[in-house]
Amino acid sequence: MARDDAPWRPSNLAKAARAGDVVERLATPIVKRVKKRGFPYTAPTTPRGVEVPADEPSLGADYDTQWARRAPARAARRLIVNGPVRLLVRGVASPSVFGTDRLSDLARLDDAPPLIFTPNHHSHLDTAIMASVVPEPWRSKIVVAAAADYFFDKRWKAAMAALSLNAIPIDREVTGRKSSDLIKALVEDGWSLVIYPEGGRSPDGWGQEFKGGAAYLSSRTGAAVVPVFIDGTGSIFGKGMKRPRPGTTKVVFGHPMSGLDGENTRRFAARIEKAVTALGDESLTDYWSARQRAARNENPTLTGPDYTGWRRQWALSERRALGTAGQRRRQKRRWPDLG
């Protein structure tokens, strides 16, 4: 039982209220002096009848990433990519890389030309993997075309994407004039580009049709396109997954490609998709068999079968079972017993 003669002590809540009162009494005179002094200590006033123009947009496709290519940001990014990003990629995805010898002739040049890398896209891990496995001399001077409406919709997110991955905003539906002018200037300055021709991550584990952005940028900048196939990231951390399931991945680089004389953007984009499709077949089988099927136009498509529903998912599981990429411990497939 509590003693009636025990001394009264204020509660923690009462102590906090008293401290708040003290802070308010000390801060009130300072705030009044600042308000009295006005601009530049406070926001400038606007005369009546004067319409203040709206602020220039600074997010989305209008976000300025030039600061991320200056020396301090490049030094910080080198530490980030060679440290946390590389450890994350090795721990979660364990990539095996093939086909870099197809770029060795260009890599041996004294002044290697900038390239446009066009991988398929199943996961946010794809960008981290590309930042880790693109061979030198391109890896140290590469930018990533990222969706303006996703990675650059908030200032903190835009700053993180620009600093850690040297991302630049681009419209995923159509390459605007501002984005293409920026990329052209970067390529002329020796920067290479990673762009996902599908425009976004796969919604169901199968690929999507390629858009013409990479082909258009190649024809506008003169940079060759390098098709790339990434296998396994969809089952590790695909769209809609809450957390990654560590597994293995395989990255296959193809031969550089350039537009042909008289070839329009649509046909060039179709050739790029066909090249990535052949690399996907190669990742599941072997180089020679994939090339033979490519000559007969018989490579399994990236977009999967035409039918929908459970049959499409069944076909996806059959495709994933062919390769070595994916989960480290493959789970047994569970399907309902239809009798």
C-alpha atoms as a PDB file:
ATOM      1  CA  MET A   1       0.000   0.000   0.000  1.00  0.00           C
ATOM      2  CA  ALA A   2       1.166   3.511  -0.818  1.00  0.00           C
ATOM      3  CA  ARG A   3       2.061   5.649   2.165  1.00  0.00           C
ATOM      4  CA  ASP A   4      -0.066   8.778   2.698  1.00  0.00           C
ATOM      5  CA  ASP A   5       2.971  10.762   3.827  1.00  0.00           C
ATOM      6  CA  ALA A   6       5.082   9.902   0.701  1.00  0.00           C
ATOM      7  CA  PRO A   7       6.372  13.058  -1.083  1.00  0.00           C
ATOM      8  CA  TRP A   8       4.562  13.970  -4.282  1.00  0.00           C
ATOM      9  CA  ARG A   9       6.608  13.623  -7.506  1.00  0.00           C
ATOM     10  CA  PRO A  10       5.526  14.901 -10.936  1.00  0.00           C
ATOM     11  CA  SER A  11       4.944  12.292 -13.651  1.00  0.00           C
ATOM     12  CA  ASN A  12       7.092  12.022 -16.765  1.00  0.00           C
ATOM     13  CA  LEU A  13       4.243  13.537 -18.783  1.00  0.00           C
ATOM     14  CA  ALA A  14       4.152  16.567 -16.495  1.00  0.00           C
ATOM     15  CA  LYS A  15       7.926  16.951 -16.789  1.00  0.00           C
ATOM     16  CA  ALA A  16       7.692  16.866 -20.585  1.00  0.00           C
ATOM     17  CA  ALA A  17       4.913  19.481 -20.531  1.00  0.00           C
ATOM     18  CA  ARG A  18       7.023  21.773 -18.361  1.00  0.00           C
ATOM     19  CA  ALA A  19      10.030  21.344 -20.679  1.00  0.00           C
ATOM     20  CA  GLY A  20       7.840  22.200 -23.657  1.00  0.00           C
ATOM     21  CA  ASP A  21       6.657  25.367 -21.925  1.00  0.00           C
ATOM     22  CA  VAL A  22      10.250  26.417 -21.290  1.00  0.00           C
ATOM     23  CA  VAL A  23      11.226  25.826 -24.928  1.00  0.00           C
ATOM     24  CA  GLU A  24       8.196  27.775 -26.128  1.00  0.00           C
ATOM     25  CA  ARG A  25       9.025  30.749 -23.871  1.00  0.00           C
ATOM     26  CA  LEU A  26      12.608  30.817 -25.131  1.00  0.00           C
ATOM     27  CA  ALA A  27      11.732  30.379 -28.818  1.00  0.00           C
ATOM     28  CA  THR A  28       8.831  32.854 -29.036  1.00  0.00           C
ATOM     29  CA  PRO A  29      10.967  36.039 -28.843  1.00  0.00           C
ATOM     30  CA  ILE A  30      13.383  34.683 -31.444  1.00  0.00           C
ATOM     31  CA  VAL A  31      10.585  33.816 -33.866  1.00  0.00           C
ATOM     32  CA  LYS A  32       9.039  37.272 -33.417  1.00  0.00           C
ATOM     33  CA  ARG A  33      12.352  38.997 -34.185  1.00  0.00           C
ATOM     34  CA  VAL A  34      12.851  36.902 -37.345  1.00  0.00           C
ATOM     35  CA  LYS A  35       9.332  37.677 -38.573  1.00  0.00           C
ATOM     36  CA  LYS A  36       9.860  41.352 -37.853  1.00  0.00           C
ATOM     37  CA  ARG A  37      13.034  41.491 -39.912  1.00  0.00           C
ATOM     38  CA  GLY A  38      11.279  39.895 -42.893  1.00  0.00           C
ATOM     39  CA  PHE A  39      13.011  38.902 -46.134  1.00  0.00           C
ATOM     40  CA  PRO A  40      15.441  37.120 -46.587  1.00  0.00           C
ATOM     41  CA  TYR A  41      14.770  35.492 -43.197  1.00  0.00           C
ATOM     42  CA  THR A  42      11.179  34.816 -44.218  1.00  0.00           C
ATOM     43  CA  ALA A  43       9.472  34.226 -47.542  1.00  0.00           C
ATOM     44  CA  PRO A  44       9.034  37.408 -49.597  1.00  0.00           C
ATOM     45  CA  THR A  45       5.604  38.973 -49.732  1.00  0.00           C
ATOM     46  CA  THR A  46       3.714  39.371 -52.993  1.00  0.00           C
ATOM     47  CA  PRO A  47       2.053  42.682 -53.877  1.00  0.00           C
ATOM     48  CA  ARG A  48      -1.621  42.532 -54.613  1.00  0.00           C
ATOM     49  CA  GLY A  49      -2.486  42.086 -58.270  1.00  0.00           C
ATOM     50  CA  VAL A  50       0.849  40.416 -59.063  1.00  0.00           C
ATOM     51  CA  GLU A  51       0.625  36.804 -60.222  1.00  0.00           C
ATOM     52  CA  VAL A  52       3.649  34.747 -59.222  1.00  0.00           C
ATOM     53  CA  PRO A  53       4.652  32.226 -61.914  1.00  0.00           C
ATOM     54  CA  ALA A  54       4.584  28.587 -60.903  1.00  0.00           C
ATOM     55  CA  ASP A  55       7.863  26.927 -59.984  1.00  0.00           C
ATOM     56  CA  GLU A  56       9.604  25.028 -62.742  1.00  0.00           C
ATOM     57  CA  PRO A  57       8.998  21.263 -62.457  1.00  0.00           C
ATOM     58  CA  SER A  58      11.978  19.527 -60.905  1.00  0.00           C
ATOM     59  CA  LEU A  59      10.839  15.912 -60.620  1.00  0.00           C
ATOM     60  CA  GLY A  60      10.023  13.163 -63.098  1.00  0.00           C
ATOM     61  CA  ALA A  61      11.553  13.705 -66.509  1.00  0.00           C
ATOM     62  CA  ASP A  62      12.628  17.206 -65.427  1.00  0.00           C
ATOM     63  CA  TYR A  63      14.897  16.045 -62.595  1.00  0.00           C
ATOM     64  CA  ASP A  64      18.439  17.315 -63.130  1.00  0.00           C
ATOM     65  CA  THR A  65      20.992  14.510 -62.707  1.00  0.00           C
ATOM     66  CA  GLN A  66      24.077  16.397 -63.829  1.00  0.00           C
ATOM     67  CA  TRP A  67      25.377  16.566 -60.253  1.00  0.00           C
ATOM     68  CA  ALA A  68      25.526  12.745 -60.144  1.00  0.00           C
ATOM     69  CA  ARG A  69      28.227  12.688 -62.846  1.00  0.00           C
ATOM     70  CA  ARG A  70      30.585  15.094 -61.112  1.00  0.00           C
ATOM     71  CA  ALA A  71      33.715  13.868 -59.371  1.00  0.00           C
ATOM     72  CA  PRO A  72      32.423  13.666 -55.764  1.00  0.00           C
ATOM     73  CA  ALA A  73      29.276  11.754 -56.762  1.00  0.00           C
ATOM     74  CA  ARG A  74      31.256   9.414 -59.033  1.00  0.00           C
ATOM     75  CA  ALA A  75      33.669   8.640 -56.191  1.00  0.00           C
ATOM     76  CA  ALA A  76      30.773   7.940 -53.826  1.00  0.00           C
ATOM     77  CA  ARG A  77      29.046   5.752 -56.433  1.00  0.00           C
ATOM     78  CA  ARG A  78      32.222   3.747 -56.968  1.00  0.00           C
ATOM     79  CA  LEU A  79      32.254   2.938 -53.266  1.00  0.00           C
ATOM     80  CA  ILE A  80      28.543   2.083 -53.271  1.00  0.00           C
ATOM     81  CA  VAL A  81      28.695  -0.203 -56.331  1.00  0.00           C
ATOM     82  CA  ASN A  82      31.918  -1.944 -55.338  1.00  0.00           C
ATOM     83  CA  GLY A  83      30.724  -2.316 -51.750  1.00  0.00           C
ATOM     84  CA  PRO A  84      27.064  -2.756 -50.752  1.00  0.00           C
ATOM     85  CA  VAL A  85      25.669  -3.281 -54.263  1.00  0.00           C
ATOM     86  CA  ARG A  86      28.215  -5.932 -55.195  1.00  0.00           C
ATOM     87  CA  LEU A  87      27.739  -7.735 -51.881  1.00  0.00           C
ATOM     88  CA  LEU A  88      23.963  -7.648 -52.352  1.00  0.00           C
ATOM     89  CA  VAL A  89      24.224  -9.053 -55.869  1.00  0.00           C
ATOM     90  CA  ARG A  90      26.563 -11.846 -54.829  1.00  0.00           C
ATOM     91  CA  GLY A  91      24.544 -12.754 -51.754  1.00  0.00           C
ATOM     92  CA  VAL A  92      21.107 -12.680 -53.373  1.00  0.00           C
ATOM     93  CA  ALA A  93      21.665 -13.415 -57.078  1.00  0.00           C
ATOM     94  CA  SER A  94      25.114 -15.078 -57.495  1.00  0.00           C
ATOM     95  CA  PRO A  95      25.401 -14.156 -61.204  1.00  0.00           C
ATOM     96  CA  SER A  96      27.335 -16.250 -63.718  1.00  0.00           C
ATOM     97  CA  VAL A  97      28.431 -14.120 -66.677  1.00  0.00           C
ATOM     98  CA  PHE A  98      28.894 -15.327 -70.253  1.00  0.00           C
ATOM     99  CA  GLY A  99      29.588 -13.695 -73.610  1.00  0.00           C
ATOM    100  CA  THR A 100      31.890 -10.884 -72.494  1.00  0.00           C
ATOM    101  CA  ASP A 101      34.424 -12.201 -75.016  1.00  0.00           C
ATOM    102  CA  ARG A 102      32.072 -10.895 -77.734  1.00  0.00           C
ATOM    103  CA  LEU A 103      33.024  -7.385 -76.596  1.00  0.00           C
ATOM    104  CA  SER A 104      36.759  -8.054 -76.227  1.00  0.00           C
ATOM    105  CA  ASP A 105      37.684  -6.558 -79.623  1.00  0.00           C
ATOM    106  CA  LEU A 106      36.083  -3.244 -78.643  1.00  0.00           C
ATOM    107  CA  ALA A 107      37.512  -3.400 -75.123  1.00  0.00           C
ATOM    108  CA  ARG A 108      41.061  -3.678 -76.481  1.00  0.00           C
ATOM    109  CA  LEU A 109      40.770  -0.410 -78.388  1.00  0.00           C
ATOM    110  CA  ASP A 110      42.630   2.575 -76.958  1.00  0.00           C
ATOM    111  CA  ASP A 111      39.390   4.560 -77.019  1.00  0.00           C
ATOM    112  CA  ALA A 112      36.540   2.062 -76.626  1.00  0.00           C
ATOM    113  CA  PRO A 113      33.278   3.453 -78.050  1.00  0.00           C
ATOM    114  CA  PRO A 114      30.214   3.900 -75.829  1.00  0.00           C
ATOM    115  CA  LEU A 115      27.565   1.185 -76.101  1.00  0.00           C
ATOM    116  CA  ILE A 116      23.844   0.779 -75.422  1.00  0.00           C
ATOM    117  CA  PHE A 117      23.110  -2.353 -73.361  1.00  0.00           C
ATOM    118  CA  THR A 118      19.567  -3.717 -73.764  1.00  0.00           C
ATOM    119  CA  PRO A 119      18.721  -6.450 -71.229  1.00  0.00           C
ATOM    120  CA  ASN A 120      15.338  -8.028 -70.615  1.00  0.00           C
ATOM    121  CA  HIS A 121      13.685  -6.842 -67.417  1.00  0.00           C
ATOM    122  CA  HIS A 122      12.089  -9.018 -64.719  1.00  0.00           C
ATOM    123  CA  SER A 123      13.247  -7.454 -61.451  1.00  0.00           C
ATOM    124  CA  HIS A 124      14.715  -4.400 -59.724  1.00  0.00           C
ATOM    125  CA  LEU A 125      17.763  -6.620 -59.213  1.00  0.00           C
ATOM    126  CA  ASP A 126      18.502  -6.362 -62.945  1.00  0.00           C
ATOM    127  CA  THR A 127      19.970  -2.866 -62.625  1.00  0.00           C
ATOM    128  CA  ALA A 128      22.181  -3.801 -59.668  1.00  0.00           C
ATOM    129  CA  ILE A 129      23.396  -6.858 -61.585  1.00  0.00           C
ATOM    130  CA  MET A 130      24.163  -4.828 -64.697  1.00  0.00           C
ATOM    131  CA  ALA A 131      26.064  -2.280 -62.609  1.00  0.00           C
ATOM    132  CA  SER A 132      28.209  -5.151 -61.319  1.00  0.00           C
ATOM    133  CA  VAL A 133      28.798  -7.335 -64.386  1.00  0.00           C
ATOM    134  CA  VAL A 134      29.089  -4.975 -67.380  1.00  0.00           C
ATOM    135  CA  PRO A 135      32.740  -5.400 -68.424  1.00  0.00           C
ATOM    136  CA  GLU A 136      35.258  -2.619 -68.307  1.00  0.00           C
ATOM    137  CA  PRO A 137      35.927  -0.058 -69.705  1.00  0.00           C
ATOM    138  CA  TRP A 138      32.142   0.553 -69.889  1.00  0.00           C
ATOM    139  CA  ARG A 139      31.168  -0.287 -66.307  1.00  0.00           C
ATOM    140  CA  SER A 140      32.979   2.699 -64.796  1.00  0.00           C
ATOM    141  CA  LYS A 141      31.227   5.140 -67.120  1.00  0.00           C
ATOM    142  CA  ILE A 142      27.652   3.987 -67.536  1.00  0.00           C
ATOM    143  CA  VAL A 143      24.225   5.556 -67.007  1.00  0.00           C
ATOM    144  CA  VAL A 144      20.907   3.764 -66.494  1.00  0.00           C
ATOM    145  CA  ALA A 145      17.673   4.877 -68.152  1.00  0.00           C
ATOM    146  CA  ALA A 146      15.070   4.640 -65.371  1.00  0.00           C
ATOM    147  CA  ALA A 147      11.330   5.231 -65.473  1.00  0.00           C
ATOM    148  CA  ALA A 148      10.688   8.889 -64.677  1.00  0.00           C
ATOM    149  CA  ASP A 149       7.260   8.182 -63.177  1.00  0.00           C
ATOM    150  CA  TYR A 150       8.599   5.585 -60.727  1.00  0.00           C
ATOM    151  CA  PHE A 151      12.183   6.401 -59.717  1.00  0.00           C
ATOM    152  CA  PHE A 152      11.930  10.177 -59.989  1.00  0.00           C
ATOM    153  CA  ASP A 153       8.494  10.903 -58.524  1.00  0.00           C
ATOM    154  CA  LYS A 154       9.926  11.867 -55.115  1.00  0.00           C
ATOM    155  CA  ARG A 155      13.043  13.899 -54.443  1.00  0.00           C
ATOM    156  CA  TRP A 156      14.674  11.431 -52.047  1.00  0.00           C
ATOM    157  CA  LYS A 157      14.043   8.535 -54.408  1.00  0.00           C
ATOM    158  CA  ALA A 158      15.403  10.492 -57.374  1.00  0.00           C
ATOM    159  CA  ALA A 159      18.539  11.447 -55.443  1.00  0.00           C
ATOM    160  CA  MET A 160      19.170   7.831 -54.396  1.00  0.00           C
ATOM    161  CA  ALA A 161      18.708   6.521 -57.955  1.00  0.00           C
ATOM    162  CA  ALA A 162      20.959   9.199 -59.435  1.00  0.00           C
ATOM    163  CA  LEU A 163      23.711   8.782 -56.856  1.00  0.00           C
ATOM    164  CA  SER A 164      23.839   4.997 -56.464  1.00  0.00           C
ATOM    165  CA  LEU A 165      23.123   3.903 -60.057  1.00  0.00           C
ATOM    166  CA  ASN A 166      23.752   7.065 -62.117  1.00  0.00           C
ATOM    167  CA  ALA A 167      20.134   6.793 -63.279  1.00  0.00           C
ATOM    168  CA  ILE A 168      18.596   9.348 -65.619  1.00  0.00           C
ATOM    169  CA  PRO A 169      14.823   9.847 -66.020  1.00  0.00           C
ATOM    170  CA  ILE A 170      13.163   8.641 -69.191  1.00  0.00           C
ATOM    171  CA  ASP A 171       9.551   8.191 -70.233  1.00  0.00           C
ATOM    172  CA  ARG A 172       8.854   4.466 -70.411  1.00  0.00           C
ATOM    173  CA  GLU A 173       6.256   4.822 -73.191  1.00  0.00           C
ATOM    174  CA  VAL A 174       8.069   7.091 -75.629  1.00  0.00           C
ATOM    175  CA  THR A 175      11.532   8.618 -75.670  1.00  0.00           C
ATOM    176  CA  GLY A 176      10.955  12.356 -75.463  1.00  0.00           C
ATOM    177  CA  ARG A 177      13.081  14.994 -77.094  1.00  0.00           C
ATOM    178  CA  LYS A 178      14.561  16.151 -73.787  1.00  0.00           C
ATOM    179  CA  SER A 179      15.608  12.619 -72.786  1.00  0.00           C
ATOM    180  CA  SER A 180      17.038  11.794 -76.205  1.00  0.00           C
ATOM    181  CA  ASP A 181      19.005  15.066 -76.291  1.00  0.00           C
ATOM    182  CA  LEU A 182      20.439  14.286 -72.860  1.00  0.00           C
ATOM    183  CA  ILE A 183      21.408  10.742 -73.857  1.00  0.00           C
ATOM    184  CA  LYS A 184      22.938  11.974 -77.115  1.00  0.00           C
ATOM    185  CA  ALA A 185      25.076  14.456 -75.189  1.00  0.00           C
ATOM    186  CA  LEU A 186      26.128  11.754 -72.718  1.00  0.00           C
ATOM    187  CA  VAL A 187      27.091   9.306 -75.473  1.00  0.00           C
ATOM    188  CA  GLU A 188      29.107  12.008 -77.201  1.00  0.00           C
ATOM    189  CA  ASP A 189      30.890  12.510 -73.876  1.00  0.00           C
ATOM    190  CA  GLY A 190      31.782   8.805 -73.735  1.00  0.00           C
ATOM    191  CA  TRP A 191      29.033   7.484 -71.446  1.00  0.00           C
ATOM    192  CA  SER A 192      27.388   4.137 -72.166  1.00  0.00           C
ATOM    193  CA  LEU A 193      23.729   3.383 -71.466  1.00  0.00           C
ATOM    194  CA  VAL A 194      21.630   0.609 -69.951  1.00  0.00           C
ATOM    195  CA  ILE A 195      18.040   0.748 -71.166  1.00  0.00           C
ATOM    196  CA  TYR A 196      15.250  -1.827 -70.867  1.00  0.00           C
ATOM    197  CA  PRO A 197      13.432  -2.071 -74.218  1.00  0.00           C
ATOM    198  CA  GLU A 198      10.402  -3.695 -72.567  1.00  0.00           C
ATOM    199  CA  GLY A 199       9.715  -0.440 -70.728  1.00  0.00           C
ATOM    200  CA  GLY A 200       9.087  -2.073 -67.348  1.00  0.00           C
ATOM    201  CA  ARG A 201       9.334  -5.253 -65.321  1.00  0.00           C
ATOM    202  CA  SER A 202       7.539  -8.384 -66.416  1.00  0.00           C
ATOM    203  CA  PRO A 203       4.111  -8.650 -64.747  1.00  0.00           C
ATOM    204  CA  ASP A 204       3.895 -12.453 -64.887  1.00  0.00           C
ATOM    205  CA  GLY A 205       7.415 -13.858 -65.355  1.00  0.00           C
ATOM    206  CA  TRP A 206       7.312 -13.846 -69.154  1.00  0.00           C
ATOM    207  CA  GLY A 207       8.885 -11.130 -71.267  1.00  0.00           C
ATOM    208  CA  GLN A 208       7.116  -8.257 -72.998  1.00  0.00           C
ATOM    209  CA  GLU A 209       7.376  -6.924 -76.521  1.00  0.00           C
ATOM    210  CA  PHE A 210      10.276  -4.564 -77.092  1.00  0.00           C
ATOM    211  CA  LYS A 211       9.619  -0.897 -77.661  1.00  0.00           C
ATOM    212  CA  GLY A 212      11.640   1.184 -80.101  1.00  0.00           C
ATOM    213  CA  GLY A 213      13.484   3.431 -77.633  1.00  0.00           C
ATOM    214  CA  ALA A 214      16.833   1.621 -77.757  1.00  0.00           C
ATOM    215  CA  ALA A 215      16.767   1.357 -81.550  1.00  0.00           C
ATOM    216  CA  TYR A 216      15.903   5.045 -81.871  1.00  0.00           C
ATOM    217  CA  LEU A 217      18.685   6.116 -79.485  1.00  0.00           C
ATOM    218  CA  SER A 218      21.184   3.929 -81.320  1.00  0.00           C
ATOM    219  CA  SER A 219      20.314   5.478 -84.674  1.00  0.00           C
ATOM    220  CA  ARG A 220      20.408   8.987 -83.177  1.00  0.00           C
ATOM    221  CA  THR A 221      23.682   8.615 -81.265  1.00  0.00           C
ATOM    222  CA  GLY A 222      25.538   6.150 -83.482  1.00  0.00           C
ATOM    223  CA  ALA A 223      26.263   3.875 -80.514  1.00  0.00           C
ATOM    224  CA  ALA A 224      26.028   0.129 -81.116  1.00  0.00           C
ATOM    225  CA  VAL A 225      23.439  -1.950 -79.232  1.00  0.00           C
ATOM    226  CA  VAL A 226      24.568  -4.894 -77.110  1.00  0.00           C
ATOM    227  CA  PRO A 227      21.726  -7.384 -76.476  1.00  0.00           C
ATOM    228  CA  VAL A 228      21.773  -8.903 -72.977  1.00  0.00           C
ATOM    229  CA  PHE A 229      19.702 -11.672 -71.416  1.00  0.00           C
ATOM    230  CA  ILE A 230      19.341 -11.960 -67.634  1.00  0.00           C
ATOM    231  CA  ASP A 231      17.924 -15.256 -66.386  1.00  0.00           C
ATOM    232  CA  GLY A 232      16.712 -16.011 -62.861  1.00  0.00           C
ATOM    233  CA  THR A 233      15.851 -12.615 -61.361  1.00  0.00           C
ATOM    234  CA  GLY A 234      12.125 -13.126 -61.897  1.00  0.00           C
ATOM    235  CA  SER A 235      12.006 -16.075 -59.512  1.00  0.00           C
ATOM    236  CA  ILE A 236      14.315 -14.349 -56.999  1.00  0.00           C
ATOM    237  CA  PHE A 237      12.617 -10.961 -56.730  1.00  0.00           C
ATOM    238  CA  GLY A 238       9.978 -10.586 -59.412  1.00  0.00           C
ATOM    239  CA  LYS A 239       7.285  -7.955 -59.585  1.00  0.00           C
ATOM    240  CA  GLY A 240       4.870  -8.254 -56.662  1.00  0.00           C
ATOM    241  CA  MET A 241       7.251 -10.176 -54.375  1.00  0.00           C
ATOM    242  CA  LYS A 242       7.597  -8.712 -50.870  1.00  0.00           C
ATOM    243  CA  ARG A 243      11.161  -9.872 -50.264  1.00  0.00           C
ATOM    244  CA  PRO A 244      13.843 -11.638 -52.332  1.00  0.00           C
ATOM    245  CA  ARG A 245      14.426 -15.366 -52.281  1.00  0.00           C
ATOM    246  CA  PRO A 246      18.180 -15.862 -52.752  1.00  0.00           C
ATOM    247  CA  GLY A 247      19.037 -17.807 -55.865  1.00  0.00           C
ATOM    248  CA  THR A 248      21.331 -17.877 -58.860  1.00  0.00           C
ATOM    249  CA  THR A 249      21.289 -15.870 -62.073  1.00  0.00           C
ATOM    250  CA  LYS A 250      22.904 -16.036 -65.470  1.00  0.00           C
ATOM    251  CA  VAL A 251      23.831 -13.055 -67.641  1.00  0.00           C
ATOM    252  CA  VAL A 252      24.615 -13.549 -71.339  1.00  0.00           C
ATOM    253  CA  PHE A 253      26.031 -10.746 -73.495  1.00  0.00           C
ATOM    254  CA  GLY A 254      25.575 -10.768 -77.266  1.00  0.00           C
ATOM    255  CA  HIS A 255      27.461  -9.287 -80.190  1.00  0.00           C
ATOM    256  CA  PRO A 256      27.156  -5.512 -80.753  1.00  0.00           C
ATOM    257  CA  MET A 257      24.513  -4.546 -83.332  1.00  0.00           C
ATOM    258  CA  SER A 258      23.992  -1.443 -85.449  1.00  0.00           C
ATOM    259  CA  GLY A 259      21.147  -0.306 -87.646  1.00  0.00           C
ATOM    260  CA  LEU A 260      21.282  -1.324 -91.291  1.00  0.00           C
ATOM    261  CA  ASP A 261      21.086   1.067 -94.214  1.00  0.00           C
ATOM    262  CA  GLY A 262      17.467   2.032 -94.785  1.00  0.00           C
ATOM    263  CA  GLU A 263      16.285   0.142 -91.686  1.00  0.00           C
ATOM    264  CA  ASN A 264      13.632   1.963 -89.676  1.00  0.00           C
ATOM    265  CA  THR A 265      13.347   1.995 -85.901  1.00  0.00           C
ATOM    266  CA  ARG A 266      10.614  -0.660 -85.755  1.00  0.00           C
ATOM    267  CA  ARG A 267      12.615  -3.219 -87.731  1.00  0.00           C
ATOM    268  CA  PHE A 268      15.785  -2.517 -85.761  1.00  0.00           C
ATOM    269  CA  ALA A 269      13.868  -2.981 -82.491  1.00  0.00           C
ATOM    270  CA  ALA A 270      12.551  -6.300 -83.811  1.00  0.00           C
ATOM    271  CA  ARG A 271      16.121  -7.415 -84.552  1.00  0.00           C
ATOM    272  CA  ILE A 272      17.206  -6.448 -81.043  1.00  0.00           C
ATOM    273  CA  GLU A 273      14.350  -8.472 -79.556  1.00  0.00           C
ATOM    274  CA  LYS A 274      15.260 -11.431 -81.756  1.00  0.00           C
ATOM    275  CA  ALA A 275      18.881 -11.234 -80.578  1.00  0.00           C
ATOM    276  CA  VAL A 276      17.858 -11.164 -76.902  1.00  0.00           C
ATOM    277  CA  THR A 277      15.488 -14.079 -77.590  1.00  0.00           C
ATOM    278  CA  ALA A 278      18.386 -16.121 -79.004  1.00  0.00           C
ATOM    279  CA  LEU A 279      20.477 -15.298 -75.925  1.00  0.00           C
ATOM    280  CA  GLY A 280      17.598 -16.503 -73.751  1.00  0.00           C
ATOM    281  CA  ASP A 281      17.606 -19.796 -75.632  1.00  0.00           C
ATOM    282  CA  GLU A 282      21.390 -19.962 -75.247  1.00  0.00           C
ATOM    283  CA  SER A 283      21.128 -19.476 -71.480  1.00  0.00           C
ATOM    284  CA  LEU A 284      18.824 -22.507 -71.236  1.00  0.00           C
ATOM    285  CA  THR A 285      20.625 -24.780 -73.695  1.00  0.00           C
ATOM    286  CA  ASP A 286      23.920 -24.037 -75.447  1.00  0.00           C
ATOM    287  CA  TYR A 287      25.338 -21.617 -77.984  1.00  0.00           C
ATOM    288  CA  TRP A 288      25.364 -23.913 -81.006  1.00  0.00           C
ATOM    289  CA  SER A 289      21.829 -25.248 -80.582  1.00  0.00           C
ATOM    290  CA  ALA A 290      20.471 -21.754 -79.971  1.00  0.00           C
ATOM    291  CA  ARG A 291      22.180 -20.435 -83.126  1.00  0.00           C
ATOM    292  CA  GLN A 292      20.772 -23.269 -85.198  1.00  0.00           C
ATOM    293  CA  ARG A 293      17.267 -22.521 -83.951  1.00  0.00           C
ATOM    294  CA  ALA A 294      17.836 -18.799 -84.537  1.00  0.00           C
ATOM    295  CA  ALA A 295      18.726 -19.524 -88.174  1.00  0.00           C
ATOM    296  CA  ARG A 296      15.420 -21.391 -88.506  1.00  0.00           C
ATOM    297  CA  ASN A 297      13.597 -18.688 -86.509  1.00  0.00           C
ATOM    298  CA  GLU A 298      12.615 -21.312 -83.933  1.00  0.00           C
ATOM    299  CA  ASN A 299      13.934 -19.831 -80.661  1.00  0.00           C
ATOM    300  CA  PRO A 300      11.347 -19.985 -77.851  1.00  0.00           C
ATOM    301  CA  THR A 301       9.791 -16.542 -77.572  1.00  0.00           C
ATOM    302  CA  LEU A 302      10.444 -14.284 -74.581  1.00  0.00           C
ATOM    303  CA  THR A 303       6.771 -13.348 -74.347  1.00  0.00           C
ATOM    304  CA  GLY A 304       5.624 -16.918 -73.797  1.00  0.00           C
ATOM    305  CA  PRO A 305       2.658 -18.843 -75.204  1.00  0.00           C
ATOM    306  CA  ASP A 306      -0.473 -17.079 -76.437  1.00  0.00           C
ATOM    307  CA  TYR A 307      -2.847 -18.758 -74.000  1.00  0.00           C
ATOM    308  CA  THR A 308      -3.512 -17.345 -70.529  1.00  0.00           C
ATOM    309  CA  GLY A 309      -4.242 -18.553 -67.028  1.00  0.00           C
ATOM    310  CA  TRP A 310      -2.716 -21.558 -65.323  1.00  0.00           C
ATOM    311  CA  ARG A 311      -1.417 -23.011 -68.610  1.00  0.00           C
ATOM    312  CA  ARG A 312       0.789 -19.963 -69.087  1.00  0.00           C
ATOM    313  CA  GLN A 313       2.179 -20.315 -65.554  1.00  0.00           C
ATOM    314  CA  TRP A 314       2.702 -24.034 -66.120  1.00  0.00           C
ATOM    315  CA  ALA A 315       4.704 -23.277 -69.269  1.00  0.00           C
ATOM    316  CA  LEU A 316       6.759 -20.722 -67.326  1.00  0.00           C
ATOM    317  CA  SER A 317       7.660 -23.287 -64.676  1.00  0.00           C
ATOM    318  CA  GLU A 318       8.653 -25.735 -67.430  1.00  0.00           C
ATOM    319  CA  ARG A 319      10.933 -23.089 -68.977  1.00  0.00           C
ATOM    320  CA  ARG A 320      12.554 -22.216 -65.660  1.00  0.00           C
ATOM    321  CA  ALA A 321      13.176 -25.883 -64.949  1.00  0.00           C
ATOM    322  CA  LEU A 322      15.315 -26.131 -68.087  1.00  0.00           C
ATOM    323  CA  GLY A 323      17.960 -23.681 -66.876  1.00  0.00           C
ATOM    324  CA  THR A 324      20.264 -23.521 -63.889  1.00  0.00           C
ATOM    325  CA  ALA A 325      19.230 -20.013 -62.784  1.00  0.00           C
ATOM    326  CA  GLY A 326      16.561 -19.284 -60.221  1.00  0.00           C
ATOM    327  CA  GLN A 327      16.141 -20.466 -56.668  1.00  0.00           C
ATOM    328  CA  ARG A 328      19.068 -22.191 -54.975  1.00  0.00           C
ATOM    329  CA  ARG A 329      16.745 -24.895 -53.736  1.00  0.00           C
ATOM    330  CA  ARG A 330      13.991 -25.489 -56.245  1.00  0.00           C
ATOM    331  CA  GLN A 331      10.635 -26.018 -54.656  1.00  0.00           C
ATOM    332  CA  LYS A 332       8.423 -28.834 -55.798  1.00  0.00           C
ATOM    333  CA  ARG A 333       5.626 -27.600 -57.996  1.00  0.00           C
ATOM    334  CA  ARG A 334       2.235 -27.872 -56.344  1.00  0.00           C
ATOM    335  CA  TRP A 335      -0.797 -27.981 -58.611  1.00  0.00           C
ATOM    336  CA  PRO A 336      -4.335 -29.024 -57.759  1.00  0.00           C
ATOM    337  CA  ASP A 337      -5.304 -32.610 -58.498  1.00  0.00           C
ATOM    338  CA  LEU A 338      -7.803 -32.328 -61.360  1.00  0.00           C
ATOM    339  CA  GLY A 339      -8.547 -36.057 -61.346  1.00  0.00           C
END
